[in-house]
Structure formats: C-alpha cells, structure tokens
Amino acid sequence: MPIAVDIDVMLARRKISVGELADRVGITPANLAVLKNGRAKAVRFATLTALYEVLKCQPGDLLRREAENAAAD
C-alpha cells in the first residue's frame, strides 16, 4: 500500500520554501526531503501535526494512498 506525500503541492500553494517549512516544523531539511520524496519508512504523529499546523491543511492534503500494481506475480 504505497502512500504518496504531496508536500510539494502545499509548499507551492503556501509559497513556503523547504528550508522555511523544516525550520517552522522543527525538523532538518534533510529529514523533510526524505519525507517529501517518499523515502520515509515512518513519520511521527507530532511531525505530521506540526506540518498540518504550519501549512494550515488536513491529512488528506498531504497524504494519499496510491493503488498497487495488479500484476504482482
């Protein structure tokens, strides 16, 4: 069940840079990049909550489930 992270969309809508968002959320730009690029294996609820507060959005604005490939033999 792949989860897509749409932080780029919200950054563009809010006109906030990755560095500014990382600073305001309280994580490193490198960790934000890992999350943003879909390479994170886990994320803390506290981090998600901070992202939602800073970006003034809801969970569905940042996270969505992508369909898995049906041809997995």
N, C-alpha and C. Protein backbone atom coordinates (compact mmCIF):
# COMPACT_ATOMS: atom_id res chain seq x y z
N MET A 1 0.84 -1.18 0.00
CA MET A 1 0.00 0.00 0.00
C MET A 1 0.89 1.24 0.00
N PRO A 2 1.26 1.71 -1.17
CA PRO A 2 2.12 2.90 -1.25
C PRO A 2 1.36 4.17 -0.84
N ILE A 3 2.03 4.98 -0.08
CA ILE A 3 1.47 6.27 0.36
C ILE A 3 2.25 7.37 -0.34
N ALA A 4 1.55 8.25 -1.01
CA ALA A 4 2.17 9.39 -1.68
C ALA A 4 2.10 10.59 -0.75
N VAL A 5 3.17 11.36 -0.73
CA VAL A 5 3.26 12.55 0.11
C VAL A 5 3.29 13.78 -0.81
N ASP A 6 2.31 14.65 -0.66
CA ASP A 6 2.17 15.81 -1.54
C ASP A 6 2.60 17.12 -0.87
N ILE A 7 3.74 17.09 -0.21
CA ILE A 7 4.23 18.31 0.45
C ILE A 7 4.56 19.39 -0.59
N ASP A 8 5.08 19.00 -1.74
CA ASP A 8 5.43 19.98 -2.78
C ASP A 8 4.23 20.83 -3.17
N VAL A 9 3.07 20.19 -3.29
CA VAL A 9 1.85 20.91 -3.66
C VAL A 9 1.53 21.98 -2.63
N MET A 10 1.57 21.59 -1.36
CA MET A 10 1.24 22.55 -0.30
C MET A 10 2.30 23.63 -0.17
N LEU A 11 3.56 23.29 -0.40
CA LEU A 11 4.62 24.31 -0.37
C LEU A 11 4.35 25.37 -1.43
N ALA A 12 3.97 24.93 -2.61
CA ALA A 12 3.69 25.88 -3.70
C ALA A 12 2.46 26.72 -3.37
N ARG A 13 1.42 26.09 -2.84
CA ARG A 13 0.19 26.84 -2.50
C ARG A 13 0.43 27.87 -1.42
N ARG A 14 1.28 27.52 -0.44
CA ARG A 14 1.53 28.41 0.69
C ARG A 14 2.73 29.33 0.47
N LYS A 15 3.42 29.12 -0.66
CA LYS A 15 4.61 29.92 -1.00
C LYS A 15 5.64 29.89 0.12
N ILE A 16 5.95 28.66 0.57
CA ILE A 16 6.93 28.44 1.63
C ILE A 16 8.04 27.56 1.06
N SER A 17 9.28 27.86 1.40
CA SER A 17 10.40 27.05 0.94
C SER A 17 10.56 25.82 1.84
N VAL A 18 11.28 24.83 1.32
CA VAL A 18 11.56 23.63 2.11
C VAL A 18 12.31 23.99 3.39
N GLY A 19 13.28 24.88 3.28
CA GLY A 19 14.05 25.29 4.45
C GLY A 19 13.20 25.98 5.50
N GLU A 20 12.32 26.87 5.06
CA GLU A 20 11.45 27.57 6.00
C GLU A 20 10.48 26.59 6.66
N LEU A 21 9.91 25.67 5.87
CA LEU A 21 8.99 24.69 6.45
C LEU A 21 9.70 23.82 7.47
N ALA A 22 10.88 23.33 7.13
CA ALA A 22 11.64 22.49 8.06
C ALA A 22 11.90 23.24 9.36
N ASP A 23 12.30 24.50 9.25
CA ASP A 23 12.58 25.32 10.44
C ASP A 23 11.33 25.50 11.29
N ARG A 24 10.22 25.81 10.66
CA ARG A 24 8.98 26.06 11.40
C ARG A 24 8.39 24.78 12.00
N VAL A 25 8.64 23.63 11.35
CA VAL A 25 8.14 22.35 11.87
C VAL A 25 9.07 21.81 12.95
N GLY A 26 10.35 22.15 12.85
CA GLY A 26 11.32 21.68 13.85
C GLY A 26 12.02 20.40 13.45
N ILE A 27 12.19 20.18 12.14
CA ILE A 27 12.96 19.04 11.65
C ILE A 27 14.04 19.55 10.71
N THR A 28 14.99 18.71 10.39
CA THR A 28 16.06 19.13 9.49
C THR A 28 15.55 19.14 8.05
N PRO A 29 16.12 20.00 7.21
CA PRO A 29 15.74 19.99 5.79
C PRO A 29 15.97 18.61 5.15
N ALA A 30 17.00 17.89 5.60
CA ALA A 30 17.27 16.56 5.06
C ALA A 30 16.14 15.59 5.40
N ASN A 31 15.66 15.64 6.63
CA ASN A 31 14.54 14.76 7.02
C ASN A 31 13.26 15.15 6.30
N LEU A 32 13.04 16.43 6.10
CA LEU A 32 11.87 16.86 5.35
C LEU A 32 11.96 16.38 3.90
N ALA A 33 13.16 16.42 3.33
CA ALA A 33 13.35 15.94 1.95
C ALA A 33 13.06 14.45 1.85
N VAL A 34 13.47 13.67 2.85
CA VAL A 34 13.18 12.24 2.85
C VAL A 34 11.67 12.01 2.85
N LEU A 35 10.95 12.74 3.66
CA LEU A 35 9.50 12.63 3.70
C LEU A 35 8.88 13.11 2.40
N LYS A 36 9.33 14.25 1.93
CA LYS A 36 8.78 14.87 0.72
C LYS A 36 8.97 13.99 -0.51
N ASN A 37 10.09 13.30 -0.57
CA ASN A 37 10.41 12.48 -1.74
C ASN A 37 9.89 11.04 -1.63
N GLY A 38 9.13 10.76 -0.58
CA GLY A 38 8.52 9.45 -0.45
C GLY A 38 9.46 8.35 -0.02
N ARG A 39 10.59 8.70 0.58
CA ARG A 39 11.56 7.69 1.01
C ARG A 39 11.45 7.35 2.50
N ALA A 40 10.57 8.03 3.21
CA ALA A 40 10.43 7.79 4.65
C ALA A 40 9.73 6.46 4.90
N LYS A 41 10.22 5.73 5.89
CA LYS A 41 9.61 4.47 6.30
C LYS A 41 8.60 4.69 7.42
N ALA A 42 8.72 5.81 8.12
CA ALA A 42 7.82 6.13 9.22
C ALA A 42 7.84 7.64 9.42
N VAL A 43 6.81 8.12 10.08
CA VAL A 43 6.74 9.55 10.43
C VAL A 43 5.98 9.66 11.74
N ARG A 44 6.47 10.52 12.61
CA ARG A 44 5.83 10.71 13.92
C ARG A 44 4.56 11.54 13.76
N PHE A 45 3.56 11.21 14.58
CA PHE A 45 2.33 11.99 14.57
C PHE A 45 2.61 13.44 14.94
N ALA A 46 3.56 13.66 15.82
CA ALA A 46 3.91 15.04 16.20
C ALA A 46 4.43 15.82 14.99
N THR A 47 5.20 15.16 14.13
CA THR A 47 5.71 15.81 12.93
C THR A 47 4.57 16.10 11.97
N LEU A 48 3.67 15.13 11.78
CA LEU A 48 2.52 15.36 10.91
C LEU A 48 1.67 16.51 11.43
N THR A 49 1.43 16.53 12.73
CA THR A 49 0.62 17.58 13.33
C THR A 49 1.26 18.94 13.10
N ALA A 50 2.57 19.03 13.26
CA ALA A 50 3.27 20.29 13.03
C ALA A 50 3.16 20.71 11.56
N LEU A 51 3.28 19.75 10.65
CA LEU A 51 3.13 20.05 9.22
C LEU A 51 1.74 20.61 8.94
N TYR A 52 0.71 19.95 9.49
CA TYR A 52 -0.67 20.42 9.28
C TYR A 52 -0.88 21.82 9.83
N GLU A 53 -0.30 22.09 11.01
CA GLU A 53 -0.47 23.41 11.62
C GLU A 53 0.23 24.50 10.81
N VAL A 54 1.47 24.23 10.40
CA VAL A 54 2.24 25.24 9.65
C VAL A 54 1.61 25.47 8.28
N LEU A 55 1.22 24.39 7.60
CA LEU A 55 0.67 24.51 6.25
C LEU A 55 -0.84 24.80 6.24
N LYS A 56 -1.45 24.78 7.44
CA LYS A 56 -2.90 25.04 7.57
C LYS A 56 -3.68 24.14 6.61
N CYS A 57 -3.49 22.82 6.82
CA CYS A 57 -4.14 21.85 5.95
C CYS A 57 -4.60 20.64 6.74
N GLN A 58 -5.20 19.71 6.06
CA GLN A 58 -5.71 18.47 6.65
C GLN A 58 -4.86 17.30 6.17
N PRO A 59 -4.93 16.14 6.85
CA PRO A 59 -4.14 14.98 6.45
C PRO A 59 -4.29 14.61 4.97
N GLY A 60 -5.49 14.67 4.44
CA GLY A 60 -5.71 14.33 3.04
C GLY A 60 -5.05 15.29 2.06
N ASP A 61 -4.66 16.46 2.53
CA ASP A 61 -3.95 17.41 1.67
C ASP A 61 -2.50 17.01 1.47
N LEU A 62 -1.94 16.25 2.41
CA LEU A 62 -0.53 15.85 2.34
C LEU A 62 -0.33 14.38 2.00
N LEU A 63 -1.24 13.54 2.44
CA LEU A 63 -1.06 12.09 2.28
C LEU A 63 -2.20 11.50 1.48
N ARG A 64 -1.86 10.58 0.56
CA ARG A 64 -2.89 9.86 -0.18
C ARG A 64 -2.37 8.47 -0.50
N ARG A 65 -3.29 7.55 -0.61
CA ARG A 65 -2.96 6.16 -0.92
C ARG A 65 -2.99 5.98 -2.43
N GLU A 66 -1.92 5.38 -2.96
CA GLU A 66 -1.86 5.07 -4.38
C GLU A 66 -2.16 3.59 -4.57
N ALA A 67 -2.82 3.26 -5.66
CA ALA A 67 -3.13 1.87 -5.97
C ALA A 67 -1.85 1.09 -6.25
N GLU A 68 -1.84 -0.15 -5.78
CA GLU A 68 -0.70 -1.02 -6.05
C GLU A 68 -0.84 -1.62 -7.43
N ASN A 69 0.27 -2.05 -8.02
CA ASN A 69 0.22 -2.71 -9.32
C ASN A 69 -0.51 -4.03 -9.21
N ALA A 70 -1.44 -4.27 -10.09
CA ALA A 70 -2.23 -5.52 -10.06
C ALA A 70 -1.40 -6.70 -10.54
N ALA A 71 -0.38 -6.48 -11.33
CA ALA A 71 0.43 -7.56 -11.88
C ALA A 71 1.63 -7.85 -10.99
N ALA A 72 1.35 -8.34 -9.79
CA ALA A 72 2.43 -8.66 -8.84
C ALA A 72 2.54 -10.17 -8.71
N ASP A 73 3.10 -10.84 -9.70
CA ASP A 73 3.28 -12.30 -9.67
C ASP A 73 4.66 -12.67 -9.25
